[in-house]
Amino acid sequence: MKQIIIRKAVMTDLERLLEFEQGVIAAERPFDPTLKKGKINYYDIEKMIAAADVEIVVAELDGEIIGSGYARIEDAKPYLQHQQHAYLGFMYVDPNHRGKGVNKKIIDALVEWCNLQNITELRLDVYQSNEDAIKAYEKVGFIKHMIAMRKKI
């Protein structure tokens, strides 16, 4: 069996990462009626690849990129115990490779990078009704912390 390799994203990965971004958006549309119609973008991936405070990693199998994720260092609110945390996002695994532990490998690599940056707190957002994603994050140690609420007026 071939081994999944997790590595830092590079500019030559950009085309595949842009495809993954659209995959993330398509997966999230059913959970978020506030998203604009048509093609949208969440990220400036090219800028993120070059940024010192962001680590984008890809999962590669047999030369094919099959997953992605990032950690972005952010300043914490002044009333919190930690000064900075890493926000995780862009978590995506090609549908043909789900259920193989790819997401865990990506998160493990991001945790390793965060440790090197002396970051001790991870944060992420997930739609409350996205039970599959919630289970996947709980499986790797995340706990529910706060629910964001909204009301259209």
Protein backbone atom coordinates (compact mmCIF):
# COMPACT_ATOMS: atom_id res chain seq x y z
CA MET A 1 0.00 0.00 0.00
CA LYS A 2 1.28 3.46 -0.90
CA GLN A 3 2.08 5.88 1.91
CA ILE A 4 0.35 9.24 2.28
CA ILE A 5 2.91 12.05 2.53
CA ILE A 6 2.10 15.33 4.25
CA ARG A 7 4.18 18.28 3.06
CA LYS A 8 4.18 22.05 2.96
CA ALA A 9 2.24 23.46 0.00
CA VAL A 10 4.19 25.17 -2.76
CA MET A 11 3.10 27.48 -5.58
CA THR A 12 2.97 24.62 -8.09
CA ASP A 13 0.13 23.14 -5.96
CA LEU A 14 -2.02 26.24 -6.51
CA GLU A 15 -4.28 24.86 -9.26
CA ARG A 16 -5.21 21.78 -7.21
CA LEU A 17 -5.67 23.88 -4.06
CA LEU A 18 -8.06 26.19 -5.92
CA GLU A 19 -10.08 23.08 -6.86
CA PHE A 20 -10.12 22.04 -3.19
CA GLU A 21 -11.29 25.51 -2.18
CA GLN A 22 -14.32 25.10 -4.43
CA GLY A 23 -14.86 21.65 -2.88
CA VAL A 24 -14.91 23.20 0.60
CA ILE A 25 -17.37 25.85 -0.55
CA ALA A 26 -19.63 23.27 -2.22
CA ALA A 27 -19.61 21.15 0.94
CA GLU A 28 -20.49 24.16 3.11
CA ARG A 29 -23.21 25.72 0.93
CA PRO A 30 -25.98 23.48 2.32
CA PHE A 31 -25.11 24.65 5.84
CA ASP A 32 -24.86 28.38 5.12
CA PRO A 33 -27.70 30.27 3.40
CA THR A 34 -25.70 33.52 3.71
CA LEU A 35 -23.11 32.56 1.07
CA LYS A 36 -23.35 34.46 -2.21
CA LYS A 37 -24.63 32.59 -5.27
CA GLY A 38 -22.18 31.63 -7.98
CA LYS A 39 -18.43 31.21 -7.74
CA ILE A 40 -16.85 32.64 -4.60
CA ASN A 41 -13.49 32.32 -2.91
CA TYR A 42 -12.70 32.01 0.78
CA TYR A 43 -8.93 32.33 0.66
CA ASP A 44 -6.02 34.07 -1.01
CA ILE A 45 -4.13 30.79 -1.31
CA GLU A 46 -1.16 32.22 -3.17
CA LYS A 47 -0.60 34.80 -0.40
CA MET A 48 -1.12 32.15 2.29
CA ILE A 49 1.53 29.85 0.79
CA ALA A 50 4.06 32.68 1.04
CA ALA A 51 3.02 33.93 4.51
CA ALA A 52 5.25 33.29 7.52
CA ASP A 53 2.30 33.08 9.93
CA VAL A 54 0.41 30.47 7.86
CA GLU A 55 1.29 26.87 7.17
CA ILE A 56 -0.64 25.22 4.35
CA VAL A 57 -0.01 21.52 4.03
CA VAL A 58 -1.11 19.01 1.44
CA ALA A 59 -1.57 15.28 1.61
CA GLU A 60 -0.02 13.51 -1.35
CA LEU A 61 -0.52 9.93 -2.51
CA ASP A 62 1.34 8.60 -5.51
CA GLY A 63 2.14 12.13 -6.69
CA GLU A 64 -1.51 13.24 -6.46
CA ILE A 65 -2.61 15.86 -3.95
CA ILE A 66 -5.57 14.38 -2.08
CA GLY A 67 -6.04 16.73 0.88
CA SER A 68 -5.24 20.10 2.38
CA GLY A 69 -5.40 22.19 5.52
CA TYR A 70 -3.86 25.25 7.06
CA ALA A 71 -2.92 26.72 10.41
CA ARG A 72 -2.85 30.50 10.75
CA ILE A 73 -1.37 32.17 13.83
CA GLU A 74 -3.70 34.78 15.29
CA ASP A 75 -3.49 37.07 18.29
CA ALA A 76 -5.86 36.03 21.05
CA LYS A 77 -8.23 38.37 22.81
CA PRO A 78 -6.41 40.14 25.64
CA TYR A 79 -8.58 38.50 28.31
CA LEU A 80 -7.63 34.93 27.31
CA GLN A 81 -4.90 32.90 29.00
CA HIS A 82 -2.96 32.40 25.78
CA GLN A 83 -1.46 35.25 23.74
CA GLN A 84 -1.81 33.55 20.37
CA HIS A 85 -3.57 30.55 18.91
CA ALA A 86 -3.63 28.82 15.57
CA TYR A 87 -6.82 28.87 13.55
CA LEU A 88 -7.26 25.77 11.40
CA GLY A 89 -9.09 25.89 8.09
CA PHE A 90 -9.18 24.71 4.49
CA MET A 91 -9.57 21.15 5.74
CA TYR A 92 -10.42 19.15 2.65
CA VAL A 93 -9.95 15.55 1.55
CA ASP A 94 -10.74 14.37 -1.97
CA PRO A 95 -13.96 12.30 -1.75
CA ASN A 96 -12.15 9.27 -3.24
CA HIS A 97 -9.75 9.23 -0.29
CA ARG A 98 -12.01 9.89 2.69
CA GLY A 99 -12.02 7.41 5.53
CA LYS A 100 -8.29 6.72 5.22
CA GLY A 101 -7.13 8.97 8.08
CA VAL A 102 -5.96 11.75 5.77
CA ASN A 103 -7.58 14.50 7.85
CA LYS A 104 -5.84 13.23 11.00
CA LYS A 105 -2.47 13.19 9.24
CA ILE A 106 -3.02 16.78 8.08
CA ILE A 107 -4.01 17.93 11.56
CA ASP A 108 -1.04 16.10 13.10
CA ALA A 109 1.32 17.92 10.72
CA LEU A 110 -0.30 21.27 11.54
CA VAL A 111 -0.03 20.55 15.26
CA GLU A 112 3.66 19.79 14.78
CA TRP A 113 4.16 23.14 13.01
CA CYS A 114 2.19 24.92 15.75
CA ASN A 115 4.41 23.33 18.41
CA LEU A 116 7.47 24.70 16.61
CA GLN A 117 5.83 28.16 16.73
CA ASN A 118 5.17 27.78 20.50
CA ILE A 119 1.41 27.77 19.92
CA THR A 120 -0.54 25.86 22.57
CA GLU A 121 -4.15 26.49 21.51
CA LEU A 122 -5.96 25.47 18.31
CA ARG A 123 -9.27 26.90 17.13
CA LEU A 124 -11.54 26.17 14.18
CA ASP A 125 -15.08 26.82 13.05
CA VAL A 126 -17.55 24.18 11.95
CA TYR A 127 -21.23 24.50 11.07
CA GLN A 128 -23.39 23.23 13.93
CA SER A 129 -25.45 21.03 11.60
CA ASN A 130 -22.36 19.52 9.92
CA GLU A 131 -22.36 16.43 12.12
CA ASP A 132 -19.81 14.52 10.01
CA ALA A 133 -17.24 17.31 10.36
CA ILE A 134 -17.94 17.68 14.07
CA LYS A 135 -17.37 13.96 14.60
CA ALA A 136 -14.14 14.08 12.59
CA TYR A 137 -12.79 16.95 14.69
CA GLU A 138 -13.88 15.36 17.96
CA LYS A 139 -12.13 12.17 16.86
CA VAL A 140 -8.80 14.06 16.79
CA GLY A 141 -9.36 15.74 20.16
CA PHE A 142 -11.31 18.93 19.52
CA ILE A 143 -14.16 19.79 21.88
CA LYS A 144 -17.20 21.99 21.34
CA HIS A 145 -16.53 25.36 22.87
CA MET A 146 -18.93 28.07 21.73
CA ILE A 147 -21.85 28.38 19.34
CA ALA A 148 -22.04 31.45 17.10
CA MET A 149 -25.60 32.60 16.47
CA ARG A 150 -27.17 34.79 13.81
CA LYS A 151 -30.54 36.30 12.96
CA LYS A 152 -31.59 37.78 9.64
CA ILE A 153 -33.59 40.98 10.03
